[in-house]
C-alpha atoms as a PDB file:
ATOM      1  CA  MET A   1     236.637  90.908 103.785  1.00  0.00           C
ATOM      2  CA  SER A   2     239.110  93.742 103.510  1.00  0.00           C
ATOM      3  CA  ARG A   3     240.672  95.110 106.650  1.00  0.00           C
ATOM      4  CA  ARG A   4     240.649  98.706 105.472  1.00  0.00           C
ATOM      5  CA  PRO A   5     241.516 101.288 108.202  1.00  0.00           C
ATOM      6  CA  LEU A   6     238.196 102.832 109.249  1.00  0.00           C
ATOM      7  CA  VAL A   7     237.647 106.583 109.193  1.00  0.00           C
ATOM      8  CA  LEU A   8     234.587 108.153 110.836  1.00  0.00           C
ATOM      9  CA  ILE A   9     233.464 111.411 109.265  1.00  0.00           C
ATOM     10  CA  LYS A  10     231.046 113.575 111.151  1.00  0.00           C
ATOM     11  CA  GLY A  11     228.701 115.071 108.589  1.00  0.00           C
ATOM     12  CA  ALA A  12     227.947 114.036 105.051  1.00  0.00           C
ATOM     13  CA  GLY A  13     227.541 117.331 103.179  1.00  0.00           C
ATOM     14  CA  ASP A  14     229.520 118.265 100.074  1.00  0.00           C
ATOM     15  CA  LEU A  15     232.913 118.907 101.751  1.00  0.00           C
ATOM     16  CA  ALA A  16     232.535 115.740 103.860  1.00  0.00           C
ATOM     17  CA  THR A  17     231.598 113.811 100.737  1.00  0.00           C
ATOM     18  CA  GLY A  18     234.639 115.012  98.844  1.00  0.00           C
ATOM     19  CA  CYS A  19     236.747 113.712 101.734  1.00  0.00           C
ATOM     20  CA  ALA A  20     234.872 110.404 101.662  1.00  0.00           C
ATOM     21  CA  VAL A  21     235.329 109.909  97.929  1.00  0.00           C
ATOM     22  CA  ARG A  22     239.096 110.455  98.206  1.00  0.00           C
ATOM     23  CA  LEU A  23     239.468 108.277 101.240  1.00  0.00           C
ATOM     24  CA  VAL A  24     237.489 105.326  99.768  1.00  0.00           C
ATOM     25  CA  ARG A  25     239.582 105.564  96.581  1.00  0.00           C
ATOM     26  CA  SER A  26     242.676 105.583  98.758  1.00  0.00           C
ATOM     27  CA  GLY A  27     241.783 102.279 100.428  1.00  0.00           C
ATOM     28  CA  PHE A  28     240.105 103.497 103.617  1.00  0.00           C
ATOM     29  CA  ALA A  29     236.776 102.265 104.996  1.00  0.00           C
ATOM     30  CA  VAL A  30     234.482 105.269 105.596  1.00  0.00           C
ATOM     31  CA  VAL A  31     231.540 105.701 107.845  1.00  0.00           C
ATOM     32  CA  MET A  32     229.675 109.046 107.916  1.00  0.00           C
ATOM     33  CA  THR A  33     227.233 110.225 110.492  1.00  0.00           C
ATOM     34  CA  GLU A  34     224.358 112.538 109.867  1.00  0.00           C
ATOM     35  CA  ILE A  35     221.249 114.091 111.379  1.00  0.00           C
ATOM     36  CA  GLY A  36     217.798 112.694 110.536  1.00  0.00           C
ATOM     37  CA  ALA A  37     216.913 115.641 108.208  1.00  0.00           C
ATOM     38  CA  PRO A  38     220.069 116.773 106.441  1.00  0.00           C
ATOM     39  CA  THR A  39     220.298 120.321 105.021  1.00  0.00           C
ATOM     40  CA  ALA A  40     223.006 120.025 102.437  1.00  0.00           C
ATOM     41  CA  VAL A  41     222.530 122.530  99.660  1.00  0.00           C
ATOM     42  CA  ARG A  42     224.738 120.799  97.047  1.00  0.00           C
ATOM     43  CA  ARG A  43     222.560 117.655  97.240  1.00  0.00           C
ATOM     44  CA  THR A  44     223.826 116.149  93.960  1.00  0.00           C
ATOM     45  CA  VAL A  45     227.315 115.679  95.490  1.00  0.00           C
ATOM     46  CA  ALA A  46     226.379 114.983  99.144  1.00  0.00           C
ATOM     47  CA  PHE A  47     226.254 111.491 100.588  1.00  0.00           C
ATOM     48  CA  SER A  48     223.741 112.871 103.131  1.00  0.00           C
ATOM     49  CA  GLU A  49     221.135 112.196 100.434  1.00  0.00           C
ATOM     50  CA  ALA A  50     221.451 108.511 101.368  1.00  0.00           C
ATOM     51  CA  VAL A  51     219.376 109.374 104.442  1.00  0.00           C
ATOM     52  CA  HIS A  52     216.408 110.092 102.123  1.00  0.00           C
ATOM     53  CA  ASP A  53     217.148 107.807  99.214  1.00  0.00           C
ATOM     54  CA  GLY A  54     218.990 104.815 100.720  1.00  0.00           C
ATOM     55  CA  THR A  55     221.771 104.794  98.160  1.00  0.00           C
ATOM     56  CA  VAL A  56     223.590 107.597  96.335  1.00  0.00           C
ATOM     57  CA  ALA A  57     226.713 107.771  94.179  1.00  0.00           C
ATOM     58  CA  VAL A  58     229.202 110.546  93.555  1.00  0.00           C
ATOM     59  CA  GLU A  59     231.971 110.187  90.911  1.00  0.00           C
ATOM     60  CA  GLY A  60     231.477 106.409  90.919  1.00  0.00           C
ATOM     61  CA  VAL A  61     231.772 105.979  94.803  1.00  0.00           C
ATOM     62  CA  ARG A  62     228.577 104.692  96.315  1.00  0.00           C
ATOM     63  CA  ALA A  63     227.199 105.476  99.799  1.00  0.00           C
ATOM     64  CA  ARG A  64     224.566 103.350 101.505  1.00  0.00           C
ATOM     65  CA  LEU A  65     222.363 104.060 104.481  1.00  0.00           C
ATOM     66  CA  ALA A  66     223.105 101.829 107.461  1.00  0.00           C
ATOM     67  CA  ALA A  67     220.628 100.967 110.196  1.00  0.00           C
ATOM     68  CA  SER A  68     223.295 100.248 112.905  1.00  0.00           C
ATOM     69  CA  PRO A  69     226.982 100.650 113.627  1.00  0.00           C
ATOM     70  CA  ALA A  70     227.540  96.952 112.812  1.00  0.00           C
ATOM     71  CA  GLU A  71     225.897  97.339 109.420  1.00  0.00           C
ATOM     72  CA  ALA A  72     227.814 100.567 108.776  1.00  0.00           C
ATOM     73  CA  ARG A  73     231.067  98.727 109.437  1.00  0.00           C
ATOM     74  CA  ARG A  74     230.098  95.964 106.986  1.00  0.00           C
ATOM     75  CA  ILE A  75     229.214  98.475 104.295  1.00  0.00           C
ATOM     76  CA  ALA A  76     232.449 100.399 104.827  1.00  0.00           C
ATOM     77  CA  ARG A  77     234.549  97.290 104.783  1.00  0.00           C
ATOM     78  CA  SER A  78     232.931  96.272 101.410  1.00  0.00           C
ATOM     79  CA  GLY A  79     234.262  99.427  99.664  1.00  0.00           C
ATOM     80  CA  ASP A  80     231.198 101.600  99.799  1.00  0.00           C
ATOM     81  CA  ALA A  81     230.806 104.562 102.172  1.00  0.00           C
ATOM     82  CA  ALA A  82     228.298 104.029 104.925  1.00  0.00           C
ATOM     83  CA  VAL A  83     225.901 106.748 106.156  1.00  0.00           C
ATOM     84  CA  LEU A  84     224.458 106.383 109.640  1.00  0.00           C
ATOM     85  CA  VAL A  85     221.910 108.638 111.306  1.00  0.00           C
ATOM     86  CA  ASP A  86     223.657 109.345 114.585  1.00  0.00           C
ATOM     87  CA  PRO A  87     223.239 112.966 115.709  1.00  0.00           C
ATOM     88  CA  GLN A  88     224.445 112.220 119.214  1.00  0.00           C
ATOM     89  CA  GLY A  89     227.648 110.520 118.118  1.00  0.00           C
ATOM     90  CA  ARG A  90     226.965 107.288 119.956  1.00  0.00           C
ATOM     91  CA  ALA A  91     228.286 105.036 117.246  1.00  0.00           C
ATOM     92  CA  ARG A  92     231.906 106.076 117.617  1.00  0.00           C
ATOM     93  CA  THR A  93     232.599 103.742 120.491  1.00  0.00           C
ATOM     94  CA  ALA A  94     231.298 100.712 118.657  1.00  0.00           C
ATOM     95  CA  LEU A  95     233.125 101.604 115.472  1.00  0.00           C
ATOM     96  CA  ALA A  96     236.517 102.248 117.091  1.00  0.00           C
ATOM     97  CA  PRO A  97     237.807 104.290 114.106  1.00  0.00           C
ATOM     98  CA  ALA A  98     241.469 104.785 113.142  1.00  0.00           C
ATOM     99  CA  ALA A  99     240.593 108.428 112.506  1.00  0.00           C
ATOM    100  CA  VAL A 100     237.792 110.858 113.113  1.00  0.00           C
ATOM    101  CA  VAL A 101     237.146 113.835 110.780  1.00  0.00           C
ATOM    102  CA  ASP A 102     234.688 116.555 111.948  1.00  0.00           C
ATOM    103  CA  ALA A 103     233.433 117.869 108.640  1.00  0.00           C
ATOM    104  CA  ARG A 104     230.171 119.433 109.893  1.00  0.00           C
ATOM    105  CA  MET A 105     231.439 122.929 109.064  1.00  0.00           C
ATOM    106  CA  ALA A 106     229.617 124.377 112.131  1.00  0.00           C
ATOM    107  CA  LYS A 107     232.351 127.049 112.494  1.00  0.00           C
ATOM    108  CA  VAL A 108     232.541 126.075 116.202  1.00  0.00           C
ATOM    109  CA  ASN A 109     233.603 122.890 117.850  1.00  0.00           C
ATOM    110  CA  LEU A 110     230.491 120.859 118.717  1.00  0.00           C
ATOM    111  CA  GLY A 111     232.391 118.636 121.078  1.00  0.00           C
ATOM    112  CA  THR A 112     235.062 116.778 119.049  1.00  0.00           C
ATOM    113  CA  ALA A 113     238.151 116.073 121.108  1.00  0.00           C
ATOM    114  CA  THR A 114     241.502 114.366 120.829  1.00  0.00           C
ATOM    115  CA  GLY A 115     241.261 110.816 122.137  1.00  0.00           C
ATOM    116  CA  GLU A 116     238.166 109.964 120.102  1.00  0.00           C
ATOM    117  CA  ALA A 117     240.556 108.127 117.784  1.00  0.00           C
ATOM    118  CA  PRO A 118     244.358 107.798 117.172  1.00  0.00           C
ATOM    119  CA  VAL A 119     243.922 110.698 114.744  1.00  0.00           C
ATOM    120  CA  VAL A 120     241.317 113.491 115.078  1.00  0.00           C
ATOM    121  CA  ILE A 121     240.919 116.167 112.398  1.00  0.00           C
ATOM    122  CA  GLY A 122     238.732 119.240 112.240  1.00  0.00           C
ATOM    123  CA  LEU A 123     237.784 121.114 109.042  1.00  0.00           C
ATOM    124  CA  GLY A 124     237.881 124.885 109.128  1.00  0.00           C
ATOM    125  CA  PRO A 125     237.436 127.375 112.012  1.00  0.00           C
ATOM    126  CA  GLY A 126     236.406 126.323 115.511  1.00  0.00           C
ATOM    127  CA  PHE A 127     239.229 123.858 116.173  1.00  0.00           C
ATOM    128  CA  THR A 128     242.692 124.280 117.573  1.00  0.00           C
ATOM    129  CA  ALA A 129     245.326 121.790 116.418  1.00  0.00           C
ATOM    130  CA  GLY A 130     247.368 120.466 119.340  1.00  0.00           C
ATOM    131  CA  ARG A 131     244.583 121.181 121.780  1.00  0.00           C
ATOM    132  CA  ASP A 132     241.174 119.737 120.812  1.00  0.00           C
ATOM    133  CA  VAL A 133     242.223 118.042 117.504  1.00  0.00           C
ATOM    134  CA  ASP A 134     245.449 116.693 116.101  1.00  0.00           C
ATOM    135  CA  ALA A 135     245.182 118.666 112.852  1.00  0.00           C
ATOM    136  CA  VAL A 136     243.046 121.329 111.278  1.00  0.00           C
ATOM    137  CA  ILE A 137     242.418 121.613 107.497  1.00  0.00           C
ATOM    138  CA  GLU A 138     242.113 125.065 106.045  1.00  0.00           C
ATOM    139  CA  THR A 139     238.778 125.532 104.251  1.00  0.00           C
ATOM    140  CA  ASN A 140     238.952 129.209 103.296  1.00  0.00           C
ATOM    141  CA  ARG A 141     239.404 129.776  99.578  1.00  0.00           C
ATOM    142  CA  GLY A 142     242.865 131.118  98.717  1.00  0.00           C
ATOM    143  CA  HIS A 143     246.503 130.199  98.848  1.00  0.00           C
ATOM    144  CA  GLY A 144     246.095 128.095 102.042  1.00  0.00           C
ATOM    145  CA  LEU A 145     243.022 126.083 100.998  1.00  0.00           C
ATOM    146  CA  GLY A 146     243.497 122.378 101.944  1.00  0.00           C
ATOM    147  CA  SER A 147     246.694 122.968 103.975  1.00  0.00           C
ATOM    148  CA  VAL A 148     247.306 120.919 107.073  1.00  0.00           C
ATOM    149  CA  ILE A 149     247.686 122.854 110.343  1.00  0.00           C
ATOM    150  CA  LEU A 150     249.442 120.945 113.131  1.00  0.00           C
ATOM    151  CA  GLU A 151     249.520 123.850 115.601  1.00  0.00           C
ATOM    152  CA  GLY A 152     246.834 126.552 115.868  1.00  0.00           C
ATOM    153  CA  GLN A 153     243.685 127.339 114.020  1.00  0.00           C
ATOM    154  CA  ALA A 154     242.335 127.833 110.511  1.00  0.00           C
ATOM    155  CA  GLU A 155     241.542 131.305 109.245  1.00  0.00           C
ATOM    156  CA  PRO A 156     238.605 132.819 111.176  1.00  0.00           C
ATOM    157  CA  ASN A 157     235.098 132.657 109.753  1.00  0.00           C
ATOM    158  CA  THR A 158     234.482 135.987 107.988  1.00  0.00           C
ATOM    159  CA  GLY A 159     230.840 135.345 107.246  1.00  0.00           C
ATOM    160  CA  VAL A 160     231.585 136.435 103.616  1.00  0.00           C
ATOM    161  CA  PRO A 161     231.298 133.676 100.987  1.00  0.00           C
ATOM    162  CA  GLY A 162     234.404 133.077  98.870  1.00  0.00           C
ATOM    163  CA  GLU A 163     234.293 134.416  95.367  1.00  0.00           C
ATOM    164  CA  ILE A 164     233.477 132.150  92.400  1.00  0.00           C
ATOM    165  CA  GLY A 165     233.622 133.619  88.978  1.00  0.00           C
ATOM    166  CA  GLY A 166     233.931 137.080  90.490  1.00  0.00           C
ATOM    167  CA  HIS A 167     230.757 136.762  92.656  1.00  0.00           C
ATOM    168  CA  GLY A 168     230.561 136.274  96.380  1.00  0.00           C
ATOM    169  CA  ALA A 169     227.474 136.802  98.554  1.00  0.00           C
ATOM    170  CA  GLU A 170     225.254 137.534  95.599  1.00  0.00           C
ATOM    171  CA  ARG A 171     225.603 133.934  94.308  1.00  0.00           C
ATOM    172  CA  LEU A 172     223.861 132.595  97.414  1.00  0.00           C
ATOM    173  CA  LEU A 173     220.092 132.050  97.742  1.00  0.00           C
ATOM    174  CA  ARG A 174     218.510 132.766 101.129  1.00  0.00           C
ATOM    175  CA  ALA A 175     214.975 132.122 102.346  1.00  0.00           C
ATOM    176  CA  PRO A 176     212.936 135.380 102.308  1.00  0.00           C
ATOM    177  CA  ALA A 177     210.807 134.157 105.209  1.00  0.00           C
ATOM    178  CA  ALA A 178     210.402 131.192 107.534  1.00  0.00           C
ATOM    179  CA  GLY A 179     208.318 128.384 106.188  1.00  0.00           C
ATOM    180  CA  ARG A 180     208.300 125.584 103.611  1.00  0.00           C
ATOM    181  CA  LEU A 181     210.315 125.805 100.397  1.00  0.00           C
ATOM    182  CA  ARG A 182     208.488 125.259  97.101  1.00  0.00           C
ATOM    183  CA  ALA A 183     211.228 124.556  94.546  1.00  0.00           C
ATOM    184  CA  LEU A 184     210.476 125.493  90.992  1.00  0.00           C
ATOM    185  CA  ARG A 185     213.844 124.771  89.397  1.00  0.00           C
ATOM    186  CA  ALA A 186     216.244 121.814  89.529  1.00  0.00           C
ATOM    187  CA  ILE A 187     219.942 121.631  90.263  1.00  0.00           C
ATOM    188  CA  GLY A 188     221.822 122.009  86.985  1.00  0.00           C
ATOM    189  CA  ASP A 189     219.298 124.409  85.406  1.00  0.00           C
ATOM    190  CA  ARG A 190     220.714 127.418  83.540  1.00  0.00           C
ATOM    191  CA  LEU A 191     219.491 130.766  84.980  1.00  0.00           C
ATOM    192  CA  GLU A 192     219.255 134.331  83.957  1.00  0.00           C
ATOM    193  CA  ALA A 193     219.626 137.138  86.546  1.00  0.00           C
ATOM    194  CA  GLY A 194     216.271 137.567  88.202  1.00  0.00           C
ATOM    195  CA  ALA A 195     215.078 134.043  87.420  1.00  0.00           C
ATOM    196  CA  LEU A 196     212.445 132.657  89.766  1.00  0.00           C
ATOM    197  CA  ILE A 197     213.814 129.557  91.559  1.00  0.00           C
ATOM    198  CA  GLY A 198     211.173 128.897  94.177  1.00  0.00           C
ATOM    199  CA  GLU A 199     209.127 130.477  96.909  1.00  0.00           C
ATOM    200  CA  VAL A 200     208.751 130.316 100.672  1.00  0.00           C
ATOM    201  CA  GLU A 201     205.297 131.118 102.084  1.00  0.00           C
ATOM    202  CA  GLY A 202     204.408 132.840  98.806  1.00  0.00           C
ATOM    203  CA  GLN A 203     207.566 135.005  98.792  1.00  0.00           C
ATOM    204  CA  PRO A 204     209.732 134.531  95.668  1.00  0.00           C
ATOM    205  CA  VAL A 205     213.294 133.241  95.719  1.00  0.00           C
ATOM    206  CA  THR A 206     215.146 134.710  92.706  1.00  0.00           C
ATOM    207  CA  SER A 207     218.664 134.601  91.386  1.00  0.00           C
ATOM    208  CA  ARG A 208     220.679 137.830  91.549  1.00  0.00           C
ATOM    209  CA  ILE A 209     223.151 136.637  88.930  1.00  0.00           C
ATOM    210  CA  ALA A 210     223.181 134.535  85.753  1.00  0.00           C
ATOM    211  CA  GLY A 211     224.715 131.080  85.883  1.00  0.00           C
ATOM    212  CA  VAL A 212     223.725 127.467  86.788  1.00  0.00           C
ATOM    213  CA  LEU A 213     221.734 126.408  89.845  1.00  0.00           C
ATOM    214  CA  ARG A 214     224.485 124.478  91.694  1.00  0.00           C
ATOM    215  CA  GLY A 215     222.592 123.769  94.882  1.00  0.00           C
ATOM    216  CA  LEU A 216     219.109 123.847  96.283  1.00  0.00           C
ATOM    217  CA  LEU A 217     217.392 122.331  99.302  1.00  0.00           C
ATOM    218  CA  ARG A 218     214.818 119.627  98.719  1.00  0.00           C
ATOM    219  CA  ASP A 219     211.312 120.737  97.715  1.00  0.00           C
ATOM    220  CA  GLY A 220     209.180 120.937 100.830  1.00  0.00           C
ATOM    221  CA  SER A 221     212.120 121.638 103.206  1.00  0.00           C
ATOM    222  CA  VAL A 222     211.186 123.706 106.287  1.00  0.00           C
ATOM    223  CA  VAL A 223     213.540 126.732 106.420  1.00  0.00           C
ATOM    224  CA  GLY A 224     214.199 129.723 108.621  1.00  0.00           C
ATOM    225  CA  ALA A 225     214.215 133.328 107.476  1.00  0.00           C
ATOM    226  CA  GLY A 226     217.559 134.213 105.989  1.00  0.00           C
ATOM    227  CA  GLN A 227     218.734 130.541 105.860  1.00  0.00           C
ATOM    228  CA  LYS A 228     220.958 129.594 102.961  1.00  0.00           C
ATOM    229  CA  ILE A 229     218.802 127.419 100.689  1.00  0.00           C
ATOM    230  CA  GLY A 230     220.786 127.340  97.464  1.00  0.00           C
ATOM    231  CA  ASP A 231     223.587 128.750  95.324  1.00  0.00           C
ATOM    232  CA  VAL A 232     224.222 129.772  91.773  1.00  0.00           C
ATOM    233  CA  ASP A 233     227.505 129.147  89.942  1.00  0.00           C
ATOM    234  CA  PRO A 234     228.341 131.996  87.577  1.00  0.00           C
ATOM    235  CA  ARG A 235     230.775 129.740  85.649  1.00  0.00           C
ATOM    236  CA  ALA A 236     227.676 128.211  84.174  1.00  0.00           C
ATOM    237  CA  ARG A 237     228.982 124.694  83.706  1.00  0.00           C
ATOM    238  CA  PRO A 238     226.158 122.208  84.478  1.00  0.00           C
ATOM    239  CA  GLU A 239     228.508 119.268  84.812  1.00  0.00           C
ATOM    240  CA  HIS A 240     230.138 120.981  87.785  1.00  0.00           C
ATOM    241  CA  CYS A 241     226.917 120.379  89.731  1.00  0.00           C
ATOM    242  CA  PHE A 242     227.477 116.660  89.691  1.00  0.00           C
ATOM    243  CA  THR A 243     231.163 116.389  90.594  1.00  0.00           C
ATOM    244  CA  VAL A 244     233.195 117.093  93.709  1.00  0.00           C
ATOM    245  CA  SER A 245     234.049 120.787  93.768  1.00  0.00           C
ATOM    246  CA  ASP A 246     237.615 122.181  93.563  1.00  0.00           C
ATOM    247  CA  LYS A 247     237.288 123.301  97.217  1.00  0.00           C
ATOM    248  CA  ALA A 248     236.116 119.916  98.461  1.00  0.00           C
ATOM    249  CA  ARG A 249     238.835 118.171  96.480  1.00  0.00           C
ATOM    250  CA  SER A 250     241.538 120.407  98.011  1.00  0.00           C
ATOM    251  CA  VAL A 251     240.150 119.885 101.545  1.00  0.00           C
ATOM    252  CA  ALA A 252     240.003 116.123 100.937  1.00  0.00           C
ATOM    253  CA  GLY A 253     243.684 116.146  99.928  1.00  0.00           C
ATOM    254  CA  GLY A 254     244.495 117.830 103.236  1.00  0.00           C
ATOM    255  CA  VAL A 255     242.536 115.222 105.197  1.00  0.00           C
ATOM    256  CA  LEU A 256     244.320 112.329 103.429  1.00  0.00           C
ATOM    257  CA  GLU A 257     247.711 114.014 103.998  1.00  0.00           C
ATOM    258  CA  ALA A 258     247.003 114.493 107.757  1.00  0.00           C
ATOM    259  CA  ILE A 259     245.857 110.899 108.257  1.00  0.00           C
ATOM    260  CA  LEU A 260     248.898 109.475 106.469  1.00  0.00           C
ATOM    261  CA  HIS A 261     251.219 111.878 108.346  1.00  0.00           C
ATOM    262  CA  PHE A 262     250.082 110.604 111.736  1.00  0.00           C
ATOM    263  CA  ARG A 263     249.908 106.910 110.651  1.00  0.00           C
ATOM    264  CA  VAL A 264     253.455 107.121 109.341  1.00  0.00           C
ATOM    265  CA  ARG A 265     254.683 108.891 112.481  1.00  0.00           C
ATOM    266  CA  ALA A 266     252.917 106.283 114.678  1.00  0.00           C
ATOM    267  CA  ALA A 267     254.524 103.432 112.719  1.00  0.00           C
ATOM    268  CA  ALA A 268     257.983 105.010 113.056  1.00  0.00           C
ATOM    269  CA  GLU A 269     257.552 105.487 116.808  1.00  0.00           C
ATOM    270  CA  ALA A 270     256.454 101.861 117.119  1.00  0.00           C
ATOM    271  CA  ARG A 271     259.583 100.679 115.325  1.00  0.00           C
ATOM    272  CA  VAL A 272     261.799 102.719 117.598  1.00  0.00           C
ATOM    273  CA  SER A 273     259.987 101.427 120.683  1.00  0.00           C
ATOM    274  CA  ASN A 274     260.291  97.800 119.493  1.00  0.00           C
ATOM    275  CA  SER A 275     263.985  98.282 118.721  1.00  0.00           C
ATOM    276  CA  ARG A 276     264.659  99.655 122.176  1.00  0.00           C
ATOM    277  CA  SER A 277     262.728  96.835 123.864  1.00  0.00           C
ATOM    278  CA  ARG A 278     264.854  94.243 122.044  1.00  0.00           C
ATOM    279  CA  SER A 279     268.186  95.901 122.881  1.00  0.00           C
END
């Protein structure tokens, strides 16, 4: 069985999944932790769907649901990504990962700290490199997307979605009321402006722009008023709904760079220490 270095990723949404795909392909073993009822919008490219379906694949990389940390380790060592329901983060001690990546995109630090692993990385705002994590990866669209920050923070959360195809906030779908979502369209469907996508407690959810339905919560999901429940891609390329996004791919590159940076640095420090001990 391969002795791949193990990376623990907190969260299994679309950004986390982009990171997992790149890390698995780069020779790392990956375990992802999730809550019992994931709320990823871009479900077709989110390993969190393994919580519901048991197995899911994205770009040829497979993720499997694990029932325990021991099973998660076996799955990860086999070359698949493992998904473990562990909202309290209890599995980390048993897994003893080489690196931890907080990819929950909560915009605040939910408790991740240096010392959880030899390398600890946070995605986006809410983390401070050099204090609570070793590195922060920029997640804001723009020139800095995917960059590795070794001191300080990522750009602050603006609350304004990044533009895609010239559209920002209007590409998002939000629940018009609290209640249960009834989905009437599927991810990948082409939409005209004003198209009916679903309803919550009898109130319609419609698209404000034309494009392709890129993300939508599961039919029957319980949502809060104003909650993001989907998004429309004005570039209107259905195939984009089923592959890792440009943003997730950039962030994943930053995660891989950060892990390798610290591993190379640790190896160099070990060589210097060994040389001094022999002299």
